[in-house]
Amino acid sequence: MLMFSCESSTLKVLVVDDHELTRLTLQLAFSAQENIQVVGLASNGQEAIEMVRDCNPDVIVLDLQMPVMDGWSASCHIKAISPNTQILAYSSVEDTSLLNTHTTPNFDDVCKKDVSTKELIALVRQLGRRAGDGSNSK
């Protein structure tokens, strides 16, 4: 688990993925953007829950398939402790019916991992605006 400063002046993003390269790549992509700060990196859902309590992120990019605790389970706990935090289910699951079956009100949006970096950043910014409004509308 890697923690960073939890300043509130910019859009705070938590990246949760069990693959280190994915976490670090997303950190690099987000950190290069103006007004986006990666407040932490977690490798599983349990770490994500702990980091939500510590850093209160605006947006979580949450992998669905991870060891220890998966994204579906973690999202329930996260929304219980921080209902305005926006959760982006970030998955490589090819079967969209699986995503639809598991998509619950705990996810504010769903994004496949093959999305372009530009689209992912735009989606995170859009979710960040919702978090700032306190709005959970999709």
Protein backbone atom coordinates (compact mmCIF):
# COMPACT_ATOMS: atom_id res chain seq x y z
CA MET A 1 0.00 0.00 0.00
CA LEU A 2 1.36 3.39 -1.04
CA MET A 3 -0.05 6.59 0.47
CA PHE A 4 0.24 10.15 -0.72
CA SER A 5 -0.83 13.53 0.61
CA CYS A 6 -4.58 14.01 1.06
CA GLU A 7 -4.98 17.64 0.01
CA SER A 8 -8.47 18.86 -0.92
CA SER A 9 -7.63 21.54 -3.52
CA THR A 10 -7.78 19.17 -6.49
CA LEU A 11 -9.73 16.15 -7.65
CA LYS A 12 -8.58 13.31 -5.41
CA VAL A 13 -8.32 9.91 -7.08
CA LEU A 14 -7.68 6.50 -5.55
CA VAL A 15 -6.44 3.78 -7.92
CA VAL A 16 -7.24 0.18 -6.95
CA ASP A 17 -5.87 -2.68 -9.05
CA ASP A 18 -4.02 -5.89 -8.21
CA HIS A 19 -1.53 -5.38 -11.04
CA GLU A 20 1.31 -3.09 -10.01
CA LEU A 21 2.03 -1.93 -13.56
CA THR A 22 -1.60 -0.88 -14.03
CA ARG A 23 -1.58 1.06 -10.75
CA LEU A 24 1.65 2.84 -11.57
CA THR A 25 0.62 3.59 -15.16
CA LEU A 26 -2.70 5.08 -14.02
CA GLN A 27 -0.90 7.07 -11.33
CA LEU A 28 1.44 8.50 -13.96
CA ALA A 29 -1.42 9.32 -16.37
CA PHE A 30 -3.55 11.03 -13.70
CA SER A 31 -0.65 12.85 -12.04
CA ALA A 32 0.30 14.43 -15.36
CA GLN A 33 -3.11 16.12 -15.46
CA GLU A 34 -3.87 19.54 -14.05
CA ASN A 35 -6.06 19.46 -10.91
CA ILE A 36 -5.95 15.67 -10.46
CA GLN A 37 -4.06 14.18 -7.54
CA VAL A 38 -3.62 10.46 -6.92
CA VAL A 39 -4.07 10.21 -3.15
CA GLY A 40 -3.28 6.52 -2.99
CA LEU A 41 -2.73 3.19 -4.67
CA ALA A 42 -4.27 -0.02 -3.37
CA SER A 43 -3.83 -3.60 -4.57
CA ASN A 44 -7.14 -5.01 -3.30
CA GLY A 45 -10.55 -4.00 -1.98
CA GLN A 46 -9.59 -4.24 1.68
CA GLU A 47 -6.73 -1.76 1.22
CA ALA A 48 -9.11 0.50 -0.73
CA ILE A 49 -11.56 0.64 2.17
CA GLU A 50 -8.79 1.63 4.58
CA MET A 51 -7.57 4.33 2.19
CA VAL A 52 -11.07 5.75 1.71
CA ARG A 53 -11.23 6.30 5.46
CA ASP A 54 -7.82 8.02 5.49
CA CYS A 55 -7.93 10.10 2.30
CA ASN A 56 -11.60 10.59 1.39
CA PRO A 57 -11.07 10.40 -2.38
CA ASP A 58 -13.54 12.01 -4.78
CA VAL A 59 -13.21 9.22 -7.35
CA ILE A 60 -12.05 5.61 -7.11
CA VAL A 61 -10.89 3.71 -10.17
CA LEU A 62 -11.71 0.21 -8.93
CA ASP A 63 -10.67 -3.05 -10.56
CA LEU A 64 -13.34 -5.73 -10.16
CA GLN A 65 -11.28 -8.92 -10.08
CA MET A 66 -8.69 -8.85 -7.27
CA PRO A 67 -7.46 -11.14 -4.50
CA VAL A 68 -8.33 -10.60 -0.80
CA MET A 69 -11.46 -8.56 -1.64
CA ASP A 70 -12.86 -7.96 -5.11
CA GLY A 71 -14.27 -4.69 -6.42
CA TRP A 72 -17.91 -5.73 -6.09
CA SER A 73 -17.54 -6.42 -2.37
CA ALA A 74 -15.35 -3.37 -1.75
CA SER A 75 -17.82 -1.05 -3.46
CA CYS A 76 -20.55 -1.97 -0.96
CA HIS A 77 -18.30 -1.12 1.99
CA ILE A 78 -17.00 2.07 0.37
CA LYS A 79 -20.49 3.44 -0.39
CA ALA A 80 -21.54 2.66 3.20
CA ILE A 81 -18.72 4.77 4.67
CA SER A 82 -18.47 7.42 1.91
CA PRO A 83 -21.69 7.61 -0.15
CA ASN A 84 -20.60 10.62 -2.25
CA THR A 85 -17.37 9.00 -3.39
CA GLN A 86 -17.76 8.15 -7.06
CA ILE A 87 -16.72 4.61 -8.00
CA LEU A 88 -15.64 3.72 -11.51
CA ALA A 89 -15.69 -0.04 -12.05
CA TYR A 90 -12.59 -0.59 -14.17
CA SER A 91 -12.52 -4.06 -15.63
CA SER A 92 -11.04 -6.26 -18.31
CA VAL A 93 -14.12 -8.53 -18.15
CA GLU A 94 -15.05 -9.24 -21.76
CA ASP A 95 -18.56 -10.53 -21.09
CA THR A 96 -20.67 -7.40 -20.76
CA SER A 97 -23.56 -9.43 -19.34
CA LEU A 98 -21.32 -10.25 -16.36
CA LEU A 99 -20.72 -6.54 -15.83
CA ASN A 100 -24.45 -5.81 -16.16
CA THR A 101 -25.34 -8.59 -13.74
CA HIS A 102 -22.98 -7.26 -11.10
CA THR A 103 -23.44 -3.56 -11.80
CA THR A 104 -25.17 -2.18 -8.77
CA PRO A 105 -25.95 1.27 -7.45
CA ASN A 106 -22.53 1.02 -5.78
CA PHE A 107 -20.86 1.73 -9.13
CA ASP A 108 -21.31 5.20 -10.56
CA ASP A 109 -19.98 4.15 -13.93
CA VAL A 110 -18.33 1.17 -15.65
CA CYS A 111 -15.31 1.31 -17.94
CA LYS A 112 -13.42 -1.44 -19.72
CA LYS A 113 -9.64 -1.41 -19.38
CA ASP A 114 -9.14 -1.04 -23.13
CA VAL A 115 -10.54 2.52 -23.05
CA SER A 116 -8.18 5.25 -24.24
CA THR A 117 -6.28 7.23 -21.62
CA LYS A 118 -7.98 10.42 -22.79
CA GLU A 119 -11.46 8.89 -22.35
CA LEU A 120 -10.57 7.50 -18.92
CA ILE A 121 -9.32 10.88 -17.71
CA ALA A 122 -12.46 12.60 -19.06
CA LEU A 123 -14.65 10.04 -17.28
CA VAL A 124 -12.78 10.51 -13.99
CA ARG A 125 -13.18 14.30 -14.30
CA GLN A 126 -16.91 13.86 -14.98
CA LEU A 127 -17.29 11.65 -11.91
CA GLY A 128 -15.25 14.17 -9.92
CA ARG A 129 -17.75 16.89 -10.78
CA ARG A 130 -20.56 14.64 -9.50
CA ALA A 131 -18.64 14.04 -6.28
CA GLY A 132 -18.19 17.79 -5.84
CA ASP A 133 -21.92 18.32 -6.35
CA GLY A 134 -22.79 15.52 -3.92
CA SER A 135 -24.85 14.11 -6.77
CA ASN A 136 -25.14 10.39 -7.38
CA SER A 137 -27.17 10.72 -10.58
CA LYS A 138 -25.85 8.73 -13.52
